[in-house]
Protein backbone atom coordinates (compact mmCIF):
# COMPACT_ATOMS: atom_id res chain seq x y z
CA MET A 1 109.33 117.02 75.34
CA ALA A 2 107.16 118.64 77.91
CA ALA A 3 105.32 121.64 76.98
CA GLU A 4 106.87 125.26 77.94
CA GLY A 5 106.30 125.91 81.70
CA ARG A 6 104.94 122.60 82.61
CA PRO A 7 107.23 120.43 85.09
CA LEU A 8 108.48 117.11 84.22
CA GLY A 9 107.02 113.87 85.19
CA PRO A 10 109.29 111.47 87.68
CA VAL A 11 110.48 109.74 84.74
CA ALA A 12 111.46 112.25 82.40
CA THR A 13 113.23 113.88 85.46
CA LEU A 14 115.25 111.04 86.09
CA GLU A 15 115.70 110.51 82.32
CA ALA A 16 117.17 114.03 81.82
CA GLN A 17 119.63 113.56 84.73
CA ALA A 18 120.81 110.44 83.31
CA GLN A 19 121.55 112.23 80.32
CA ALA A 20 122.98 115.07 81.76
CA GLN A 21 125.43 112.96 83.73
CA GLU A 22 126.76 110.93 81.05
CA ALA A 23 127.45 114.31 79.00
CA GLN A 24 129.42 115.15 81.98
CA GLY A 25 131.57 111.56 82.99
CA ASN A 26 129.56 111.34 86.30
CA TRP A 27 129.45 107.62 85.93
CA VAL A 28 128.63 106.92 89.45
CA GLY A 29 125.99 109.36 89.38
CA LEU A 30 124.73 107.78 86.38
CA LEU A 31 124.47 104.25 87.72
CA GLU A 32 122.53 105.75 90.75
CA THR A 33 120.00 107.50 88.31
CA LEU A 34 119.49 104.60 85.93
CA ALA A 35 119.00 102.46 89.44
CA LYS A 36 116.34 104.97 90.40
CA LEU A 37 114.93 105.07 87.07
CA ALA A 38 114.66 101.16 87.01
CA THR A 39 113.24 100.81 90.50
CA LEU A 40 110.42 103.80 89.50
CA LEU A 41 109.36 101.79 86.08
CA ARG A 42 109.20 98.66 88.04
CA ASN A 43 106.81 100.08 90.21
CA LEU A 44 104.65 101.56 87.33
CA ASP A 45 104.85 97.77 85.62
CA ASP A 46 106.84 98.95 82.87
CA GLU A 47 109.11 96.24 83.26
CA GLY A 48 110.55 96.63 79.28
CA ARG A 49 111.76 99.90 80.04
CA ALA A 50 112.98 99.14 83.55
CA ARG A 51 114.95 96.12 82.24
CA SER A 52 116.21 98.68 79.58
CA ALA A 53 117.71 100.89 82.24
CA LEU A 54 119.06 98.05 84.54
CA ASP A 55 120.92 96.62 81.41
CA GLN A 56 122.34 100.02 80.66
CA ALA A 57 123.52 100.77 84.03
CA TYR A 58 125.27 97.01 84.17
CA GLY A 59 126.90 97.97 80.76
CA ILE A 60 128.60 101.21 82.36
CA ALA A 61 129.74 99.33 85.64
CA GLN A 62 131.45 96.89 83.52
CA THR A 63 133.35 99.53 81.79
CA ILE A 64 134.17 102.43 84.47
CA GLU A 65 137.17 101.79 86.45
CA ASP A 66 136.86 101.53 90.63
CA GLN A 67 136.46 105.13 92.20
CA GLN A 68 135.32 106.75 95.35
CA GLY A 69 131.65 106.13 95.77
CA LEU A 70 131.15 103.45 93.44
CA ALA A 71 130.56 100.76 95.71
CA PRO A 72 127.09 101.98 96.85
CA ALA A 73 126.21 102.25 93.39
CA LEU A 74 127.26 98.79 92.22
CA HIS A 75 125.38 97.28 95.73
CA GLN A 76 122.32 99.22 94.60
CA LEU A 77 122.62 97.92 91.15
CA GLY A 78 123.30 94.30 92.44
CA SER A 79 120.27 94.50 95.02
CA LEU A 80 117.72 95.21 92.08
CA TYR A 81 119.14 92.25 89.89
CA HIS A 82 118.91 90.33 93.39
CA LEU A 83 115.19 91.48 93.58
CA GLN A 84 114.18 89.96 90.11
CA GLY A 85 116.12 86.77 90.29
CA GLY A 86 119.25 88.03 88.47
CA TRP A 87 121.32 86.23 90.71
CA ASP A 88 124.58 85.37 88.62
CA ARG A 89 124.99 89.35 87.72
CA ALA A 90 123.80 90.19 91.41
CA LEU A 91 126.48 87.69 92.87
CA GLU A 92 129.02 89.49 90.46
CA LEU A 93 127.91 93.17 91.54
CA TYR A 94 127.92 92.19 95.08
CA HIS A 95 131.72 90.97 95.16
CA ARG A 96 132.84 93.97 93.13
CA ALA A 97 130.84 96.11 95.67
CA LEU A 98 132.75 94.26 98.73
CA ALA A 99 136.17 94.41 97.21
CA LEU A 100 135.89 98.02 97.36
CA GLN A 101 134.32 98.67 100.52
CA LYS A 102 137.34 96.42 101.96
CA GLU A 103 139.60 98.65 100.26
CA GLU A 104 137.72 101.54 102.09
CA LYS A 105 137.49 99.56 105.36
CA ASP A 106 133.65 100.51 105.17
CA GLN A 107 133.22 97.58 108.06
CA MET A 108 129.17 98.37 107.95
CA GLY A 109 129.05 98.33 103.91
CA ILE A 110 131.03 94.58 104.34
CA ALA A 111 128.45 93.45 106.70
CA THR A 112 125.57 94.50 104.55
CA THR A 113 126.90 93.09 101.55
CA LEU A 114 128.27 89.65 102.72
CA GLY A 115 124.58 89.27 104.01
CA ASN A 116 123.09 89.94 100.49
CA ILE A 117 125.78 87.31 99.21
CA ALA A 118 124.31 84.86 101.55
CA GLU A 119 120.88 85.69 100.59
CA VAL A 120 121.67 84.93 96.80
CA CYS A 121 123.42 81.66 97.67
CA GLN A 122 120.49 80.46 99.94
CA GLY A 123 118.29 81.51 96.99
CA ARG A 124 120.48 79.38 94.74
CA GLY A 125 120.31 76.20 97.53
CA ASP A 126 123.86 76.61 98.22
CA PHE A 127 123.47 76.38 101.82
CA HIS A 128 126.55 75.83 103.28
CA LYS A 129 128.39 78.71 101.25
CA ALA A 130 125.06 80.88 102.67
CA LEU A 131 125.79 79.84 106.34
CA GLU A 132 129.40 80.53 106.25
CA THR A 133 128.84 84.19 104.42
CA TYR A 134 126.06 84.78 106.99
CA LYS A 135 128.73 83.63 109.99
CA ALA A 136 131.21 86.34 108.70
CA SER A 137 128.72 88.85 108.35
CA LEU A 138 127.60 88.32 111.88
CA ILE A 139 130.99 88.58 113.26
CA LEU A 140 131.29 91.98 111.98
CA LYS A 141 127.77 93.31 113.34
CA ILE A 142 128.80 91.74 116.45
CA GLU A 143 131.75 94.33 116.41
CA LEU A 144 129.73 96.78 115.39
CA GLN A 145 127.32 96.43 117.70
CA ASP A 146 124.51 96.35 115.15
CA GLU A 147 121.80 94.66 117.08
CA ARG A 148 118.90 94.93 114.48
CA GLY A 149 121.09 93.63 112.08
CA LEU A 150 122.17 90.88 114.30
CA ALA A 151 118.70 89.95 115.03
CA LEU A 152 118.02 89.75 111.18
CA THR A 153 121.49 87.60 110.72
CA TRP A 154 120.61 85.21 113.33
CA ASN A 155 117.24 84.85 111.64
CA ASN A 156 118.60 84.22 108.34
CA ILE A 157 120.85 81.57 109.90
CA GLY A 158 117.96 80.03 111.35
CA ALA A 159 116.47 79.69 108.14
CA VAL A 160 119.47 78.29 106.05
CA ARG A 161 119.84 75.70 109.29
CA ALA A 162 116.37 74.50 108.84
CA ARG A 163 116.79 73.91 105.46
CA MET A 164 120.22 71.91 106.09
CA GLU A 165 117.34 69.93 108.79
CA ASP A 166 119.71 71.19 111.32
CA VAL A 167 116.41 71.67 113.68
CA SER A 168 118.35 72.06 117.12
CA GLY A 169 120.78 74.51 115.50
CA ALA A 170 117.92 76.80 113.59
CA MET A 171 116.02 76.53 116.93
CA GLU A 172 119.17 78.00 118.64
CA ALA A 173 119.47 80.84 115.89
CA PHE A 174 115.79 81.88 115.97
CA ARG A 175 116.01 82.30 119.63
CA ASN A 176 118.88 84.20 119.74
CA SER A 177 117.49 86.49 116.94
CA LEU A 178 113.93 86.71 119.12
CA GLN A 179 115.79 87.92 122.28
CA ILE A 180 117.37 90.64 120.31
CA HIS A 181 113.81 91.38 118.90
CA GLU A 182 112.55 91.48 122.38
CA ARG A 183 115.29 93.72 123.75
CA LEU A 184 114.51 96.15 121.18
CA GLY A 185 110.83 96.30 121.35
CA ASP A 186 110.65 95.30 117.35
CA VAL A 187 107.07 93.41 117.48
CA LEU A 188 107.48 92.81 114.21
CA GLY A 189 110.70 91.19 114.27
CA GLU A 190 109.10 88.80 117.47
CA ALA A 191 106.23 87.88 114.94
CA VAL A 192 108.32 87.07 112.20
CA THR A 193 110.70 85.06 114.65
CA LEU A 194 107.95 83.13 116.40
CA ALA A 195 106.43 82.23 113.51
CA ASN A 196 109.81 80.77 112.24
CA ILE A 197 110.09 78.79 115.77
CA GLY A 198 106.51 77.81 115.29
CA GLY A 199 107.84 76.13 111.87
CA LEU A 200 110.40 74.42 113.56
CA HIS A 201 107.85 72.68 116.01
CA GLN A 202 105.76 71.69 113.56
CA ARG A 203 108.83 70.03 111.47
CA ARG A 204 109.35 68.13 114.80
CA GLY A 205 105.80 66.85 114.81
CA ASN A 206 105.37 69.21 118.17
CA TRP A 207 101.97 70.32 116.95
CA GLN A 208 100.75 71.69 120.61
CA GLU A 209 104.03 73.58 120.57
CA ALA A 210 103.64 74.77 117.30
CA ARG A 211 100.22 76.20 118.13
CA THR A 212 101.28 77.76 120.87
CA VAL A 213 103.94 79.77 119.60
CA LEU A 214 101.93 80.62 116.20
CA GLU A 215 99.18 81.84 118.05
CA GLN A 216 101.79 84.44 119.82
CA SER A 217 103.03 85.09 116.55
CA LEU A 218 99.38 85.55 115.14
CA ALA A 219 98.49 88.00 118.10
CA LEU A 220 101.28 90.02 117.26
CA TYR A 221 100.72 90.23 113.49
CA GLU A 222 96.94 91.12 113.94
CA ALA A 223 97.74 93.96 116.59
CA LEU A 224 100.22 95.69 113.83
CA GLY A 225 97.75 95.19 111.10
CA GLU A 226 100.19 93.38 109.25
CA ALA A 227 97.80 91.19 106.65
CA MET A 228 100.07 89.32 104.96
CA GLY A 229 102.10 88.11 107.91
CA THR A 230 98.50 87.23 109.51
CA ALA A 231 97.55 85.43 106.68
CA SER A 232 100.50 83.34 106.04
CA THR A 233 100.43 82.53 110.07
CA LEU A 234 96.80 81.58 109.94
CA ASN A 235 97.84 79.32 107.27
CA ASN A 236 100.49 77.55 109.20
CA LEU A 237 97.92 77.18 112.05
CA GLY A 238 95.34 75.81 110.06
CA SER A 239 98.10 72.97 109.36
CA VAL A 240 98.66 72.63 112.71
CA GLN A 241 94.73 72.46 114.16
CA ARG A 242 94.21 70.08 111.22
CA ARG A 243 97.15 67.73 112.57
CA LEU A 244 95.37 68.16 116.19
CA GLY A 245 92.01 66.99 114.51
CA ASP A 246 90.55 70.28 115.09
CA LEU A 247 89.14 69.93 111.47
CA ALA A 248 86.30 72.92 111.90
CA GLY A 249 89.19 74.89 113.65
CA ALA A 250 91.80 74.57 110.85
CA TYR A 251 88.90 75.34 108.17
CA GLN A 252 88.08 78.55 109.89
CA ARG A 253 91.72 79.45 109.83
CA TYR A 254 92.04 78.57 106.42
CA ALA A 255 89.35 80.69 105.10
CA ARG A 256 90.17 83.88 107.27
CA ALA A 257 93.91 83.33 105.20
CA LYS A 258 92.57 82.77 101.96
CA ASP A 259 89.97 85.96 102.38
CA LEU A 260 92.95 88.06 103.43
CA MET A 261 95.34 86.99 100.85
CA LEU A 262 92.50 87.50 98.00
CA GLY A 263 92.01 91.01 99.77
CA LEU A 264 95.86 91.53 98.85
CA GLY A 265 95.96 90.61 95.46
CA ASP A 266 98.22 87.82 95.91
CA PHE A 267 95.91 85.24 94.15
CA LEU A 268 99.24 82.75 93.95
CA ARG A 269 99.57 82.51 97.95
CA ALA A 270 95.81 82.43 98.14
CA THR A 271 95.64 78.98 96.43
CA VAL A 272 97.55 77.45 99.45
CA PRO A 273 94.75 77.69 102.07
CA ALA A 274 92.07 77.26 99.12
CA HIS A 275 93.84 74.04 98.57
CA ASN A 276 94.17 72.90 102.26
CA MET A 277 89.93 74.02 102.74
CA ALA A 278 89.32 71.59 99.81
CA LEU A 279 91.40 68.74 101.62
CA ILE A 280 89.32 68.98 104.76
CA HIS A 281 86.44 68.64 102.87
CA GLU A 282 87.78 65.67 101.18
CA GLU A 283 88.57 64.25 104.38
CA ARG A 284 85.11 64.50 105.62
CA GLY A 285 83.87 63.00 102.45
CA GLU A 286 81.99 66.36 101.18
CA TYR A 287 83.47 65.74 97.65
CA ARG A 288 81.07 68.43 95.86
CA GLU A 289 82.40 71.23 98.34
CA ALA A 290 86.15 70.13 97.72
CA LEU A 291 85.57 70.11 93.93
CA GLY A 292 84.32 73.46 94.03
CA LEU A 293 87.35 74.91 95.89
CA MET A 294 89.55 72.85 93.67
CA GLU A 295 87.87 74.59 90.73
CA GLU A 296 88.49 77.61 92.14
CA VAL A 297 92.54 76.82 92.77
CA ILE A 298 92.51 75.44 89.23
CA SER A 299 91.43 78.56 87.66
CA ILE A 300 93.97 80.54 89.30
CA ASP A 301 96.78 78.16 88.25
CA LYS A 302 95.88 78.78 84.85
CA ARG A 303 95.32 82.53 84.92
CA ILE A 304 98.69 83.18 86.81
CA GLY A 305 100.86 80.16 85.02
CA HIS A 306 101.14 78.48 88.77
CA PRO A 307 103.76 75.35 88.57
CA ASP A 308 101.10 73.37 90.93
CA LEU A 309 98.59 73.28 88.34
CA LYS A 310 99.28 69.33 87.41
CA GLN A 311 99.53 68.75 90.98
CA ASP A 312 96.28 70.41 91.54
CA LEU A 313 94.44 68.86 88.23
CA GLU A 314 95.67 65.45 89.81
CA THR A 315 93.83 66.43 93.43
CA PHE A 316 90.33 67.16 91.66
CA GLY A 317 90.83 63.79 89.46
CA ARG A 318 91.09 62.06 92.90
CA ILE A 319 88.20 63.72 94.46
CA ARG A 320 86.11 63.15 91.64
CA GLU A 321 86.66 59.76 91.27
CA LYS A 322 85.81 59.56 95.22
CA LEU A 323 82.21 61.57 94.55
CA ASP A 324 81.51 59.39 91.30
CA ARG A 325 81.80 56.21 94.04
CA GLN A 326 79.79 58.28 96.55
CA ARG A 327 76.66 58.30 94.22
CA ASP A 328 76.49 54.49 94.70
CA GLU A 329 76.65 54.44 98.83
CA PRO A 330 73.76 54.61 100.91
CA PRO A 331 73.25 58.35 102.55
CA SER A 332 73.94 56.83 105.88
CA SER A 333 77.95 56.35 104.83
CA GLN A 334 78.29 60.04 103.31
CA GLY A 335 80.26 62.17 105.06
CA VAL A 336 78.82 65.07 107.40
CA LYS A 337 79.32 68.68 106.46
CA LEU A 338 81.47 71.18 108.60
CA PRO A 339 78.82 73.53 110.63
CA PRO A 340 78.92 77.07 109.00
């Protein structure tokens, strides 16, 4: 209990509010409060208590009858399970919220929830169901003249079509999204969509087109100061420049991407450009430098439990064998280092 005269902290305030709502039988309010509490605790890295609050809310949602105002609470609860990969419960809660929204003729709510359901289907690899559901959401957003929502949904449709290897359909969807972002002056939306279009050019092997579009995306991300978007696009540009034979330029892109990701504390993603840098060193016969980078990658893999650890160990072993063979070669046959 807080000392007399001392205000409660944010967690204690929400806990007290939840207790009062439970005593009053205010179940919808209680669901909303528990969802806020779970979010706050997760932001504080208190995963155990966050999960407890979320599971308590789910249990209450299972027992209360449908009523006015319940749909937003169910949707919020579904979103929390969605974010942590609890897809079965997320779908259950989204579908119940959707049924209530249909009863209430809440067209905007329906469109939003359909989009969320499609995202879950996409995450689970059910791309046909995801595409069907995104299209249903798209129709409603056209009727509602929700241009920002339309741009997002077209982008999501493009991502699903790309996963289904429908490159032309994906390109059409991304271009629809880009046109809306440009009309709205949504620079971040333009950067994201241009990056997606660049990725499609990569799939097609159109390396020069990919480079042009990715450089446009990069310029927008940098103008916005959006570090993660900048880093991801730099890594993709590095891969394109490597395909174009510009190893020095590719290496510089990868190095910048790695530094940005490490600066953001995203060690998981930082292993990708670091691995790519190692491959360039390997390609140029600079095996010691390649091994140094792979040691860094493997160290991160082990620390965070990265699923690519086995593959990275195999890469390390392959490069080590090349280094061992190189020791017996005359100096003239060894690779030349990248310029600083």
